[in-house]
Protein backbone atom coordinates (compact mmCIF):
# COMPACT_ATOMS: atom_id res chain seq x y z
CA UNK A 1 0.00 0.00 0.00
CA UNK A 2 2.85 2.36 0.77
CA UNK A 3 4.31 1.60 -2.62
CA UNK A 4 1.02 2.41 -4.33
CA UNK A 5 0.66 5.74 -2.48
CA UNK A 6 4.26 6.68 -3.23
CA UNK A 7 3.75 6.03 -6.94
CA UNK A 8 0.50 8.02 -6.98
CA UNK A 9 2.22 11.04 -5.37
CA UNK A 10 5.58 10.75 -7.12
CA UNK A 11 4.28 10.42 -10.70
CA UNK A 12 2.52 13.84 -10.81
CA UNK A 13 5.47 15.43 -9.02
CA UNK A 14 7.94 14.06 -11.58
CA UNK A 15 5.63 15.15 -14.42
CA UNK A 16 5.45 18.72 -13.11
CA UNK A 17 9.22 18.79 -12.64
CA UNK A 18 9.78 17.56 -16.21
CA UNK A 19 7.37 20.14 -17.66
CA UNK A 20 8.95 23.01 -15.71
CA UNK A 21 12.45 22.01 -16.90
CA UNK A 22 11.46 21.42 -20.53
CA UNK A 23 9.31 24.55 -21.04
CA UNK A 24 12.22 27.06 -21.38
CA UNK A 25 14.07 24.64 -23.65
CA UNK A 26 11.16 24.32 -26.07
CA UNK A 27 10.17 27.98 -25.97
CA UNK A 28 6.68 27.01 -24.81
CA UNK A 29 4.87 29.31 -22.44
CA UNK A 30 1.80 28.99 -20.28
CA UNK A 31 0.65 32.46 -21.43
CA UNK A 32 -1.79 32.79 -24.32
CA UNK A 33 -0.22 33.16 -27.76
CA UNK A 34 -1.59 36.69 -28.13
CA UNK A 35 0.53 37.84 -25.16
CA UNK A 36 3.79 36.08 -25.98
CA UNK A 37 4.44 36.69 -29.67
CA UNK A 38 2.84 38.66 -32.46
CA UNK A 39 0.68 36.62 -34.77
CA UNK A 40 1.89 35.43 -38.17
CA UNK A 41 -0.05 38.23 -39.85
CA UNK A 42 1.77 40.89 -37.84
CA UNK A 43 5.20 39.46 -38.63
CA UNK A 44 4.59 39.43 -42.39
CA UNK A 45 6.26 42.32 -44.24
CA UNK A 46 3.97 45.30 -44.60
CA UNK A 47 4.22 48.54 -46.49
CA UNK A 48 2.41 51.23 -48.40
CA UNK A 49 1.53 50.56 -52.03
CA UNK A 50 0.58 53.65 -54.02
CA UNK A 51 -0.66 53.91 -57.58
CA UNK A 52 0.34 57.32 -58.91
CA UNK A 53 -0.32 58.95 -62.26
CA UNK A 54 1.89 61.34 -64.18
CA UNK A 55 0.51 64.86 -63.92
CA UNK A 56 3.30 66.77 -65.64
CA UNK A 57 6.87 66.24 -66.67
CA UNK A 58 9.39 66.35 -69.45
CA UNK A 59 10.77 63.65 -71.72
CA UNK A 60 14.08 63.70 -73.59
CA UNK A 61 14.67 61.33 -76.50
CA UNK A 62 18.10 60.93 -78.10
CA UNK A 63 17.91 59.66 -81.69
CA UNK A 64 20.41 58.71 -84.38
CA UNK A 65 18.86 60.10 -87.57
CA UNK A 66 20.83 57.74 -89.81
CA UNK A 67 18.53 54.93 -88.67
CA UNK A 68 15.46 56.81 -89.99
CA UNK A 69 16.97 57.68 -93.36
CA UNK A 70 18.02 54.12 -94.15
CA UNK A 71 21.56 55.46 -94.43
CA UNK A 72 24.17 52.85 -93.51
CA UNK A 73 26.76 55.49 -92.67
CA UNK A 74 28.94 54.78 -89.67
CA UNK A 75 28.95 58.47 -88.74
CA UNK A 76 26.22 59.10 -86.19
CA UNK A 77 23.81 62.01 -86.59
CA UNK A 78 22.48 62.36 -83.05
CA UNK A 79 19.61 64.66 -82.26
CA UNK A 80 17.96 65.31 -78.89
CA UNK A 81 14.21 65.86 -78.86
CA UNK A 82 12.49 67.56 -75.91
CA UNK A 83 8.86 66.87 -75.03
CA UNK A 84 6.39 67.82 -72.32
CA UNK A 85 3.91 65.24 -71.03
CA UNK A 86 0.31 65.84 -72.15
CA UNK A 87 -2.14 67.03 -69.51
CA UNK A 88 -4.70 64.21 -69.83
CA UNK A 89 -2.27 61.29 -69.99
CA UNK A 90 -3.08 58.17 -67.99
CA UNK A 91 0.21 56.48 -67.11
CA UNK A 92 -0.02 54.82 -63.67
CA UNK A 93 3.18 54.05 -61.78
CA UNK A 94 3.42 51.74 -58.74
CA UNK A 95 5.35 52.98 -55.70
CA UNK A 96 5.93 50.68 -52.71
CA UNK A 97 7.36 52.23 -49.52
CA UNK A 98 8.49 55.31 -51.47
CA UNK A 99 10.44 53.18 -53.97
CA UNK A 100 9.52 53.24 -57.66
CA UNK A 101 8.43 49.75 -58.75
CA UNK A 102 7.41 50.37 -62.36
CA UNK A 103 4.62 51.42 -64.70
CA UNK A 104 1.30 49.73 -65.33
CA UNK A 105 -0.65 49.62 -68.60
CA UNK A 106 -1.17 53.16 -69.86
CA UNK A 107 0.17 55.84 -72.15
CA UNK A 108 1.53 59.40 -72.10
CA UNK A 109 1.00 61.90 -74.89
CA UNK A 110 4.21 63.70 -75.86
CA UNK A 111 3.90 67.40 -76.72
CA UNK A 112 6.94 68.69 -78.65
CA UNK A 113 8.87 71.47 -76.91
CA UNK A 114 11.37 73.58 -78.84
CA UNK A 115 10.83 71.85 -82.20
CA UNK A 116 11.30 75.10 -84.08
CA UNK A 117 14.74 75.63 -82.55
CA UNK A 118 17.79 75.43 -84.76
CA UNK A 119 19.16 71.94 -85.29
CA UNK A 120 15.79 70.21 -85.76
CA UNK A 121 16.19 68.98 -89.33
CA UNK A 122 14.17 65.79 -89.03
CA UNK A 123 13.35 63.27 -91.77
CA UNK A 124 9.91 63.74 -93.36
CA UNK A 125 8.40 60.58 -91.80
CA UNK A 126 9.46 61.60 -88.31
CA UNK A 127 8.59 65.28 -88.78
CA UNK A 128 5.03 64.39 -89.87
CA UNK A 129 4.36 62.22 -86.81
CA UNK A 130 6.14 64.44 -84.28
CA UNK A 131 2.82 65.92 -83.09
CA UNK A 132 1.31 62.44 -82.52
CA UNK A 133 3.93 60.64 -80.41
CA UNK A 134 2.89 58.60 -77.37
CA UNK A 135 4.88 56.57 -74.81
CA UNK A 136 3.00 53.37 -74.04
CA UNK A 137 3.54 50.56 -71.51
CA UNK A 138 3.55 47.25 -73.39
CA UNK A 139 2.17 43.95 -72.04
CA UNK A 140 4.64 41.78 -70.17
CA UNK A 141 4.88 39.17 -72.96
CA UNK A 142 6.58 41.65 -75.31
CA UNK A 143 10.34 42.10 -75.61
CA UNK A 144 10.34 45.65 -74.23
CA UNK A 145 8.53 47.48 -71.44
CA UNK A 146 7.92 50.80 -73.21
CA UNK A 147 7.32 51.85 -76.81
CA UNK A 148 7.13 55.24 -78.57
């Protein structure tokens, strides 16, 4: 009978001792999970995603005019074209945590600025379409991101 009583009292005592020793080793706590560690949702990376549109701006395009003339000359004829962005252009850009991530589908109308200045001797095909240029974001399956 003494043996039976000793086993009945010793077994719970040994169990409590084992749990109290093992708890710090396993990182288990008797407190509710909400008090010990933030939930998995709170530990996930968070940030601010903004979709911004272009309101105004300027665009500079550097061209080699020999490519438009079909001239195979090795001497480059560079020209720099200046444009302003059209007022009603819809060209959304994604910004995450104040870092530019890239454009979404959309387009910007280019308004020529300073075309009548000296040095603008453009080929006829380019000169005729100069008032109708647009920068457009292409779908992701294309070879390039942007097209003029």
